[in-house]
Amino acid sequence: MKNKTCPALPILTGLWLALTLLFASVIPALAQDGYRVNVNKEFGFANGSEIRGDFSISLIGDESNIASVTFLIDGQELAVVSQAPFKTNFKTQTYPNGGHQLNAAVTFMDGTTQTVEAKRFMFLSADEERGSMSEILVPLLAVVFGLMVFGIGAQFLAGRGKPAGGPEPGTARSYGIAGGSICPRCKRPTPRHVFGFNLVVGKLDRCENCGKWSIMRAYPIDVLRAAEAAEFKVEQGDGLAPEKSEEEKLREMLDDSRYTKD
């Protein structure tokens, strides 16, 4: 008995071979089309496409089939990099001020090349850098100043009608989402306000007890409750304890030192 061959088998085999050849030629081309250059600031000024200082340019994309990358500024060779990561540094001050195009020419293992789409940048002079920074900082400072004025005004409005001197000593306060602090001026616990101006070391805020402004850092709730209890005990005595003079503090330190063992 003779073996019968499926009539469609040669057609399917030919189709499979054709698709294999197609993908073998298309996939590398697709991989090569995905390249772009990326420019990053190392040190200096950058505002969008306006730059000045030390920068790096690198190639983004599949590096497995790359033999070398030639980085270009205005079509002139900047550097040739033959191993990953494909990256090099440059200084904008080395080139004339004004518009420049940065791109790269990629050489692949098979000898083919591809030019990556260029990106355009404006290299600034020192005066142009200062002017651009002013355009950024002046509106920013205006916004910050406006927020400070708004926060101070909101606190004054919120404090209107409240009894002078703040809550009675020993009263449990509600400290809210901004937390509480101990006023550096009157040494009493006080809530911090949402509209207070945030600084690195604390919040510039107004004490609800003495009404004075100072930088107040946040304290844990257990410390604040202990301060509330302490001010109540002081009030039960002869009023708030006066702050010790420098002479009294020095005398106490000398007295303590007498009992210090070597």
Protein backbone atom coordinates (compact mmCIF):
# COMPACT_ATOMS: atom_id res chain seq x y z
CA MET A 1 0.00 0.00 0.00
CA LYS A 2 1.36 3.41 -0.98
CA ASN A 3 1.56 6.23 1.57
CA LYS A 4 -0.67 9.13 0.64
CA THR A 5 0.75 12.64 1.01
CA CYS A 6 -1.54 15.48 2.04
CA PRO A 7 -1.92 17.80 -0.98
CA ALA A 8 -1.77 20.90 1.26
CA LEU A 9 1.52 19.92 2.95
CA PRO A 10 3.85 21.51 0.35
CA ILE A 11 1.80 24.70 0.47
CA LEU A 12 1.94 24.88 4.27
CA THR A 13 5.66 24.18 4.24
CA GLY A 14 6.30 26.96 1.75
CA LEU A 15 4.15 29.37 3.75
CA TRP A 16 6.05 28.56 6.94
CA LEU A 17 9.40 29.17 5.22
CA ALA A 18 8.18 32.47 3.81
CA LEU A 19 7.00 33.68 7.24
CA THR A 20 10.30 32.61 8.80
CA LEU A 21 12.28 34.64 6.29
CA LEU A 22 9.93 37.60 6.73
CA PHE A 23 10.27 37.72 10.52
CA ALA A 24 14.02 37.16 10.29
CA SER A 25 14.33 40.36 8.28
CA VAL A 26 11.60 42.43 9.98
CA ILE A 27 12.37 41.81 13.67
CA PRO A 28 15.95 43.24 13.57
CA ALA A 29 14.62 46.25 11.68
CA LEU A 30 11.94 46.83 14.32
CA ALA A 31 14.55 46.54 17.09
CA GLN A 32 16.79 49.08 15.37
CA ASP A 33 13.94 51.58 14.94
CA GLY A 34 13.38 51.82 18.73
CA TYR A 35 16.48 53.90 19.54
CA ARG A 36 16.58 57.43 20.92
CA VAL A 37 19.05 59.70 22.65
CA ASN A 38 18.57 60.92 26.19
CA VAL A 39 20.23 64.04 27.65
CA ASN A 40 20.58 64.32 31.44
CA LYS A 41 21.90 67.10 33.67
CA GLU A 42 24.97 66.18 35.73
CA PHE A 43 25.59 69.66 37.13
CA GLY A 44 24.18 72.98 36.03
CA PHE A 45 20.88 74.44 34.87
CA ALA A 46 18.08 72.82 32.89
CA ASN A 47 14.68 74.27 32.06
CA GLY A 48 13.10 72.11 29.39
CA SER A 49 15.28 72.45 26.29
CA GLU A 50 17.27 75.35 27.81
CA ILE A 51 20.47 74.01 29.36
CA ARG A 52 23.84 75.15 30.68
CA GLY A 53 26.56 73.20 32.49
CA ASP A 54 27.71 69.56 32.60
CA PHE A 55 25.44 67.06 30.83
CA SER A 56 25.49 63.48 29.58
CA ILE A 57 24.05 62.01 26.39
CA SER A 58 23.16 58.32 26.20
CA LEU A 59 21.53 55.89 23.80
CA ILE A 60 18.25 54.30 24.87
CA GLY A 61 17.29 50.96 23.31
CA ASP A 62 18.39 47.35 22.84
CA GLU A 63 22.18 47.25 23.20
CA SER A 64 22.74 43.56 22.39
CA ASN A 65 23.34 44.05 18.63
CA ILE A 66 25.33 47.30 18.78
CA ALA A 67 29.00 47.48 17.83
CA SER A 68 29.51 51.20 18.53
CA VAL A 69 27.68 54.52 18.91
CA THR A 70 28.92 57.84 17.59
CA PHE A 71 27.38 60.76 19.46
CA LEU A 72 26.96 63.93 17.44
CA ILE A 73 26.44 67.64 18.11
CA ASP A 74 25.26 69.53 15.04
CA GLY A 75 26.46 66.63 12.91
CA GLN A 76 29.99 66.80 14.31
CA GLU A 77 31.47 63.89 16.24
CA LEU A 78 31.35 64.31 20.02
CA ALA A 79 32.55 60.83 21.03
CA VAL A 80 32.61 57.23 19.83
CA VAL A 81 31.61 54.64 22.45
CA SER A 82 32.27 50.97 21.68
CA GLN A 83 30.81 49.26 24.73
CA ALA A 84 27.72 49.49 26.91
CA PRO A 85 26.54 51.63 28.51
CA PHE A 86 26.65 53.85 25.44
CA LYS A 87 27.02 57.22 27.11
CA THR A 88 29.35 60.22 27.16
CA ASN A 89 29.58 63.61 28.88
CA PHE A 90 29.88 67.13 27.50
CA LYS A 91 29.91 70.77 28.67
CA THR A 92 27.61 73.29 27.02
CA GLN A 93 30.21 76.03 27.64
CA THR A 94 32.50 74.27 25.14
CA TYR A 95 30.11 75.21 22.32
CA PRO A 96 28.69 78.54 21.11
CA ASN A 97 25.54 79.79 22.80
CA GLY A 98 22.32 79.15 20.92
CA GLY A 99 20.48 76.23 19.33
CA HIS A 100 22.17 72.86 18.86
CA GLN A 101 21.08 69.41 17.70
CA LEU A 102 22.16 66.29 19.59
CA ASN A 103 21.81 62.81 18.14
CA ALA A 104 23.73 59.57 17.51
CA ALA A 105 24.78 57.23 14.71
CA VAL A 106 24.47 53.55 15.67
CA THR A 107 26.67 50.87 14.04
CA PHE A 108 25.38 47.30 14.41
CA MET A 109 27.28 44.02 14.51
CA ASP A 110 26.41 43.24 10.89
CA GLY A 111 27.93 46.52 9.70
CA THR A 112 24.67 48.35 9.10
CA THR A 113 24.15 51.82 10.56
CA GLN A 114 21.23 53.90 11.75
CA THR A 115 21.00 57.59 12.57
CA VAL A 116 18.87 58.35 15.62
CA GLU A 117 16.43 61.26 15.51
CA ALA A 118 18.02 64.46 16.78
CA LYS A 119 16.89 66.47 19.79
CA ARG A 120 17.24 70.25 19.79
CA PHE A 121 18.55 72.20 22.78
CA MET A 122 19.33 75.83 23.52
CA PHE A 123 22.76 76.31 25.12
CA LEU A 124 22.48 79.35 27.38
CA SER A 125 25.04 81.97 28.31
CA ALA A 126 25.58 82.89 31.98
CA ASP A 127 23.34 85.96 31.62
CA GLU A 128 20.61 83.96 29.90
CA GLU A 129 20.80 81.34 32.66
CA ARG A 130 20.27 84.02 35.34
CA GLY A 131 17.37 85.47 33.40
CA SER A 132 15.73 82.07 32.97
CA MET A 133 16.19 81.30 36.67
CA SER A 134 14.55 84.62 37.56
CA GLU A 135 11.56 83.74 35.42
CA ILE A 136 11.17 80.56 37.47
CA LEU A 137 12.02 81.85 40.96
CA VAL A 138 10.10 85.15 40.98
CA PRO A 139 6.65 83.58 40.41
CA LEU A 140 7.53 80.74 42.81
CA LEU A 141 8.55 83.15 45.58
CA ALA A 142 5.41 85.19 44.93
CA VAL A 143 3.28 82.09 45.43
CA VAL A 144 5.15 81.17 48.62
CA PHE A 145 4.79 84.71 49.98
CA GLY A 146 1.11 84.70 49.11
CA LEU A 147 0.61 81.43 50.96
CA MET A 148 2.40 82.84 54.00
CA VAL A 149 0.20 85.93 54.02
CA PHE A 150 -2.89 83.81 53.57
CA GLY A 151 -1.84 81.48 56.41
CA ILE A 152 -1.08 84.35 58.79
CA GLY A 153 -4.36 86.07 57.94
CA ALA A 154 -6.31 82.86 58.39
CA GLN A 155 -4.81 82.33 61.84
CA PHE A 156 -5.63 85.88 62.93
CA LEU A 157 -9.21 85.47 61.75
CA ALA A 158 -9.49 82.10 63.46
CA GLY A 159 -8.15 83.60 66.70
CA ARG A 160 -10.68 86.42 66.83
CA GLY A 161 -13.15 86.02 69.66
CA LYS A 162 -11.01 83.53 71.56
CA PRO A 163 -10.18 84.40 75.16
CA ALA A 164 -6.79 86.05 75.73
CA GLY A 165 -4.16 83.73 77.09
CA GLY A 166 -5.50 80.66 75.36
CA PRO A 167 -7.08 77.65 77.08
CA GLU A 168 -7.07 77.30 80.84
CA PRO A 169 -3.91 75.59 82.16
CA GLY A 170 -4.36 71.84 82.20
CA THR A 171 -7.08 71.85 79.54
CA ALA A 172 -6.83 68.96 77.08
CA ARG A 173 -6.27 70.39 73.60
CA SER A 174 -7.38 69.04 70.26
CA TYR A 175 -4.24 69.17 68.13
CA GLY A 176 -5.70 68.29 64.73
CA ILE A 177 -3.94 66.98 61.65
CA ALA A 178 -0.93 69.34 62.00
CA GLY A 179 -0.19 68.01 65.50
CA GLY A 180 0.95 70.01 68.49
CA SER A 181 4.05 71.66 69.84
CA ILE A 182 5.37 73.33 72.98
CA CYS A 183 5.78 77.06 72.44
CA PRO A 184 9.43 78.16 72.80
CA ARG A 185 8.20 81.48 74.23
CA CYS A 186 5.65 80.58 76.93
CA LYS A 187 6.58 76.86 77.29
CA ARG A 188 2.92 75.81 77.04
CA PRO A 189 1.48 73.17 74.68
CA THR A 190 -0.32 74.57 71.65
CA PRO A 191 -1.84 73.16 68.45
CA ARG A 192 0.02 73.68 65.20
CA HIS A 193 -2.11 75.12 62.41
CA VAL A 194 -2.56 73.79 58.89
CA PHE A 195 -1.85 77.26 57.48
CA GLY A 196 1.46 77.56 59.31
CA PHE A 197 4.50 77.90 57.06
CA ASN A 198 6.49 74.66 56.86
CA LEU A 199 10.25 74.95 57.35
CA VAL A 200 12.92 72.27 57.52
CA VAL A 201 13.19 72.33 61.32
CA GLY A 202 9.51 72.89 62.06
CA LYS A 203 6.51 75.05 61.27
CA LEU A 204 6.45 78.85 61.58
CA ASP A 205 3.29 79.20 63.61
CA ARG A 206 1.39 81.30 66.17
CA CYS A 207 0.98 80.09 69.75
CA GLU A 208 -2.63 80.01 70.92
CA ASN A 209 -1.50 80.83 74.45
CA CYS A 210 0.84 83.83 74.19
CA GLY A 211 -0.02 84.81 70.61
CA LYS A 212 3.63 85.01 69.56
CA TRP A 213 5.13 83.55 66.38
CA SER A 214 7.98 81.06 66.48
CA ILE A 215 9.24 77.90 64.81
CA MET A 216 7.38 74.96 66.35
CA ARG A 217 8.38 71.37 65.80
CA ALA A 218 5.89 68.55 66.30
CA TYR A 219 5.81 66.68 69.62
CA PRO A 220 4.30 63.22 70.33
CA ILE A 221 0.86 63.27 71.89
CA ASP A 222 2.08 61.73 75.16
CA VAL A 223 4.58 64.59 75.59
CA LEU A 224 1.84 67.13 74.91
CA ARG A 225 -0.50 65.51 77.45
CA ALA A 226 2.31 65.51 80.03
CA ALA A 227 2.88 69.21 79.34
CA GLU A 228 -0.83 69.89 79.87
CA ALA A 229 -0.72 68.13 83.24
CA ALA A 230 2.47 69.97 84.19
CA GLU A 231 1.06 73.41 83.49
CA PHE A 232 -1.97 72.55 85.63
CA LYS A 233 0.28 71.64 88.56
CA VAL A 234 2.21 74.89 88.18
CA GLU A 235 -1.05 76.85 88.06
CA GLN A 236 -2.19 75.22 91.27
CA GLY A 237 0.89 76.64 92.96
CA ASP A 238 1.89 80.32 92.79
CA GLY A 239 1.31 80.69 89.10
CA LEU A 240 3.59 79.81 86.25
CA ALA A 241 7.14 79.24 87.40
CA PRO A 242 9.43 82.08 86.31
CA GLU A 243 12.24 81.18 83.99
CA LYS A 244 15.57 80.79 85.77
CA SER A 245 18.25 83.37 85.21
CA GLU A 246 21.62 82.45 83.70
CA GLU A 247 23.22 82.92 87.13
CA GLU A 248 20.79 80.46 88.73
CA LYS A 249 21.36 77.92 85.97
CA LEU A 250 25.15 78.23 86.40
CA ARG A 251 24.85 77.79 90.19
CA GLU A 252 22.80 74.63 89.74
CA MET A 253 25.38 73.23 87.32
CA LEU A 254 28.16 73.89 89.85
CA ASP A 255 26.15 72.26 92.62
CA ASP A 256 25.48 69.19 90.46
CA SER A 257 29.15 68.90 89.57
CA ARG A 258 30.09 68.51 93.25
CA TYR A 259 28.31 65.18 93.39
CA THR A 260 29.70 63.84 90.13
CA LYS A 261 31.94 60.84 90.70
CA ASP A 262 35.10 60.26 88.71
